[in-house]
Amino acid sequence: MESMNIDDGLDARHPAEDSEPLPVATAAGCDAVELPVLAGRENGWPLLDLARQLVTQGKPSLALQAVVMAIKSAGGDQAVRQTLVRAQELYINRVRADAAAAELASLFAECAIAEAQPPNPVLPPPLEQINATNQTLLQDASDTSILAQSGRMQIMLDAFADGSSFVCLKCGGLVSNHRKDEHFMYWCG
């Protein structure tokens, strides 16, 4: 496959004799990946194939970069902007719908729990009985966490207790241990 470069100054496209792959910065702990510089609609497909491979390898940030390069090669910066705006709109709509569904599910769960509880329910131990370190973290998180603010503190307590997640001290969010590096790099960095 012949590689092509994009002339930044004139936005003209021409074949390159010795085109160099574009190095892509990676998150900590990931190997560097070089994405080929391509131009034209037909040359975006290899980048999309590469993006699929990167997702399969567990490298979503690099996969996103490959997709953005494919969009840019097909339609330029304007196409990238339009795609990102559309993705943002879809994400916001989905978050709103998911939040409404989660709130409804939470209300149903509370009703089911209330009906299933015996007349003298056994209350969980108060926060004072949790060790001091965890108590401090959970108190800090309960002030800023979206889960705590929406009345779903138990979800946060369970995920924190089983060790699969941690409470970010900067934003108060509950973050999976698997997403720790990306969280600090892109969200709270």
Protein backbone atom coordinates (compact mmCIF):
# COMPACT_ATOMS: atom_id res chain seq x y z
CA MET A 1 0.00 0.00 0.00
CA GLU A 2 1.37 3.40 -0.94
CA SER A 3 1.39 5.92 1.91
CA MET A 4 0.46 9.55 1.43
CA ASN A 5 1.19 12.71 3.39
CA ILE A 6 -1.17 15.58 4.05
CA ASP A 7 0.33 18.95 3.16
CA ASP A 8 -0.53 21.01 6.25
CA GLY A 9 -0.07 24.41 4.62
CA LEU A 10 -2.26 24.03 1.54
CA ASP A 11 -4.35 21.00 2.53
CA ALA A 12 -3.26 19.51 -0.81
CA ARG A 13 -2.75 15.78 -0.97
CA HIS A 14 0.10 14.14 -2.86
CA PRO A 15 1.88 10.76 -2.88
CA ALA A 16 4.92 10.55 -0.64
CA GLU A 17 8.06 8.80 -1.71
CA ASP A 18 9.44 8.11 1.76
CA SER A 19 6.54 8.75 4.11
CA GLU A 20 7.28 8.11 7.77
CA PRO A 21 4.70 6.58 10.10
CA LEU A 22 3.31 8.99 12.66
CA PRO A 23 4.38 8.08 16.21
CA VAL A 24 1.53 8.23 18.68
CA ALA A 25 2.00 9.21 22.33
CA THR A 26 0.71 6.53 24.63
CA ALA A 27 -0.47 6.20 28.19
CA ALA A 28 2.00 5.10 30.85
CA GLY A 29 2.83 1.45 30.54
CA CYS A 30 1.67 1.07 26.92
CA ASP A 31 3.98 0.36 24.02
CA ALA A 32 4.36 3.09 21.41
CA VAL A 33 2.36 2.45 18.25
CA GLU A 34 3.09 4.05 14.92
CA LEU A 35 0.09 4.93 12.80
CA PRO A 36 0.63 5.34 9.06
CA VAL A 37 -0.01 8.78 7.56
CA LEU A 38 -2.73 8.29 4.99
CA ALA A 39 -4.91 10.46 2.79
CA GLY A 40 -8.12 9.81 0.91
CA ARG A 41 -11.27 7.89 1.71
CA GLU A 42 -9.96 4.50 0.58
CA ASN A 43 -6.98 4.76 2.91
CA GLY A 44 -9.08 5.22 6.07
CA TRP A 45 -10.07 1.55 6.17
CA PRO A 46 -6.66 0.27 7.31
CA LEU A 47 -6.78 2.75 10.19
CA LEU A 48 -10.21 1.48 11.20
CA ASP A 49 -8.89 -2.09 11.07
CA LEU A 50 -5.99 -0.98 13.26
CA ALA A 51 -8.45 0.66 15.67
CA ARG A 52 -10.36 -2.62 16.00
CA GLN A 53 -7.12 -4.46 16.74
CA LEU A 54 -6.15 -1.87 19.36
CA VAL A 55 -9.53 -2.20 21.08
CA THR A 56 -9.08 -5.98 21.11
CA GLN A 57 -5.62 -5.48 22.65
CA GLY A 58 -7.12 -3.32 25.39
CA LYS A 59 -5.76 0.02 24.12
CA PRO A 60 -8.90 2.17 23.69
CA SER A 61 -7.05 5.51 23.72
CA LEU A 62 -4.85 4.49 20.79
CA ALA A 63 -7.87 3.06 18.99
CA LEU A 64 -9.60 6.43 19.31
CA GLN A 65 -6.54 8.17 17.84
CA ALA A 66 -6.62 5.79 14.87
CA VAL A 67 -10.33 6.48 14.30
CA VAL A 68 -9.76 10.24 14.46
CA MET A 69 -6.93 9.91 11.91
CA ALA A 70 -9.21 7.88 9.62
CA ILE A 71 -11.93 10.53 9.83
CA LYS A 72 -9.38 13.29 9.24
CA SER A 73 -7.96 11.52 6.19
CA ALA A 74 -11.44 11.22 4.71
CA GLY A 75 -12.86 14.64 5.54
CA GLY A 76 -10.27 16.85 7.19
CA ASP A 77 -10.45 18.75 10.44
CA GLN A 78 -14.06 19.81 9.86
CA ALA A 79 -15.18 16.17 9.66
CA VAL A 80 -13.35 15.44 12.92
CA ARG A 81 -15.08 18.38 14.62
CA GLN A 82 -18.50 17.34 13.33
CA THR A 83 -17.96 13.75 14.41
CA LEU A 84 -16.80 14.75 17.89
CA VAL A 85 -19.76 17.11 18.34
CA ARG A 86 -22.15 14.34 17.25
CA ALA A 87 -20.46 11.85 19.59
CA GLN A 88 -20.77 14.34 22.44
CA GLU A 89 -24.49 14.82 21.73
CA LEU A 90 -25.07 11.06 21.65
CA TYR A 91 -23.10 10.60 24.87
CA ILE A 92 -25.03 13.34 26.69
CA ASN A 93 -28.38 11.90 25.55
CA ARG A 94 -27.30 8.42 26.60
CA VAL A 95 -26.07 9.64 30.00
CA ARG A 96 -29.41 11.36 30.60
CA ALA A 97 -31.35 8.26 29.60
CA ASP A 98 -29.07 6.00 31.64
CA ALA A 99 -29.37 8.30 34.67
CA ALA A 100 -33.16 8.25 34.46
CA ALA A 101 -33.20 4.46 34.06
CA ALA A 102 -30.71 4.03 36.92
CA GLU A 103 -32.79 6.27 39.18
CA LEU A 104 -35.93 4.31 38.35
CA ALA A 105 -34.13 0.99 38.94
CA SER A 106 -32.79 2.34 42.23
CA LEU A 107 -36.30 3.30 43.35
CA PHE A 108 -37.65 -0.14 42.43
CA ALA A 109 -34.76 -1.78 44.28
CA GLU A 110 -35.44 0.35 47.37
CA CYS A 111 -39.12 -0.62 47.26
CA ALA A 112 -38.26 -4.32 46.89
CA ILE A 113 -35.77 -4.13 49.76
CA ALA A 114 -38.24 -2.28 51.96
CA GLU A 115 -40.92 -4.93 51.33
CA ALA A 116 -38.49 -7.81 51.93
CA GLN A 117 -37.04 -6.46 55.19
CA PRO A 118 -38.27 -7.97 58.45
CA PRO A 119 -40.07 -5.63 60.90
CA ASN A 120 -36.85 -5.26 62.97
CA PRO A 121 -34.16 -4.94 60.32
CA VAL A 122 -30.54 -5.55 61.18
CA LEU A 123 -28.77 -2.28 60.48
CA PRO A 124 -25.25 -2.27 59.04
CA PRO A 125 -22.54 -1.09 61.43
CA PRO A 126 -22.20 2.69 61.61
CA LEU A 127 -19.32 4.36 59.80
CA GLU A 128 -17.52 4.81 63.14
CA GLN A 129 -16.77 1.08 63.21
CA ILE A 130 -15.03 1.13 59.84
CA ASN A 131 -11.29 1.59 60.18
CA ALA A 132 -10.08 5.21 60.28
CA THR A 133 -8.45 5.30 56.84
CA ASN A 134 -11.47 3.95 55.00
CA GLN A 135 -13.77 6.17 57.02
CA THR A 136 -11.86 9.31 56.04
CA LEU A 137 -11.84 8.34 52.37
CA LEU A 138 -15.52 7.50 52.36
CA GLN A 139 -16.47 10.70 54.16
CA ASP A 140 -14.49 12.76 51.65
CA ALA A 141 -16.06 10.85 48.79
CA SER A 142 -19.59 11.14 50.18
CA ASP A 143 -19.34 14.92 49.86
CA THR A 144 -18.30 14.91 46.20
CA SER A 145 -19.31 11.55 44.73
CA ILE A 146 -22.14 11.47 42.21
CA LEU A 147 -23.22 8.10 43.58
CA ALA A 148 -23.43 9.44 47.12
CA GLN A 149 -25.24 12.58 46.02
CA SER A 150 -27.83 10.51 44.14
CA GLY A 151 -28.51 8.31 47.16
CA ARG A 152 -26.54 5.27 45.99
CA MET A 153 -23.75 5.29 48.56
CA GLN A 154 -24.06 1.52 49.04
CA ILE A 155 -22.81 0.90 45.50
CA MET A 156 -19.72 2.92 46.30
CA LEU A 157 -19.22 1.14 49.63
CA ASP A 158 -19.50 -2.31 47.99
CA ALA A 159 -17.10 -1.54 45.14
CA PHE A 160 -14.60 0.05 47.52
CA ALA A 161 -14.88 -2.83 50.00
CA ASP A 162 -14.22 -5.61 47.47
CA GLY A 163 -11.09 -3.86 46.20
CA SER A 164 -12.17 -3.65 42.56
CA SER A 165 -12.32 0.14 42.65
CA PHE A 166 -10.90 3.12 44.46
CA VAL A 167 -12.19 6.54 45.41
CA CYS A 168 -10.29 9.32 43.62
CA LEU A 169 -9.25 11.92 46.16
CA LYS A 170 -9.26 14.70 43.53
CA CYS A 171 -12.75 14.28 42.07
CA GLY A 172 -14.42 11.95 44.57
CA GLY A 173 -15.33 9.52 41.80
CA LEU A 174 -15.41 5.76 42.11
CA VAL A 175 -12.91 4.43 39.55
CA SER A 176 -12.17 0.87 38.51
CA ASN A 177 -8.62 -0.21 39.28
CA HIS A 178 -8.31 -1.23 35.61
CA ARG A 179 -8.90 2.40 34.51
CA LYS A 180 -6.63 4.04 37.10
CA ASP A 181 -3.92 5.25 34.67
CA GLU A 182 -6.43 6.63 32.14
CA HIS A 183 -8.40 8.31 34.93
CA PHE A 184 -5.39 10.20 36.22
CA MET A 185 -4.07 10.96 32.73
CA TYR A 186 -7.28 12.21 31.09
CA TRP A 187 -9.66 13.10 33.93
CA CYS A 188 -7.81 14.19 37.06
CA GLY A 189 -4.31 14.75 35.64
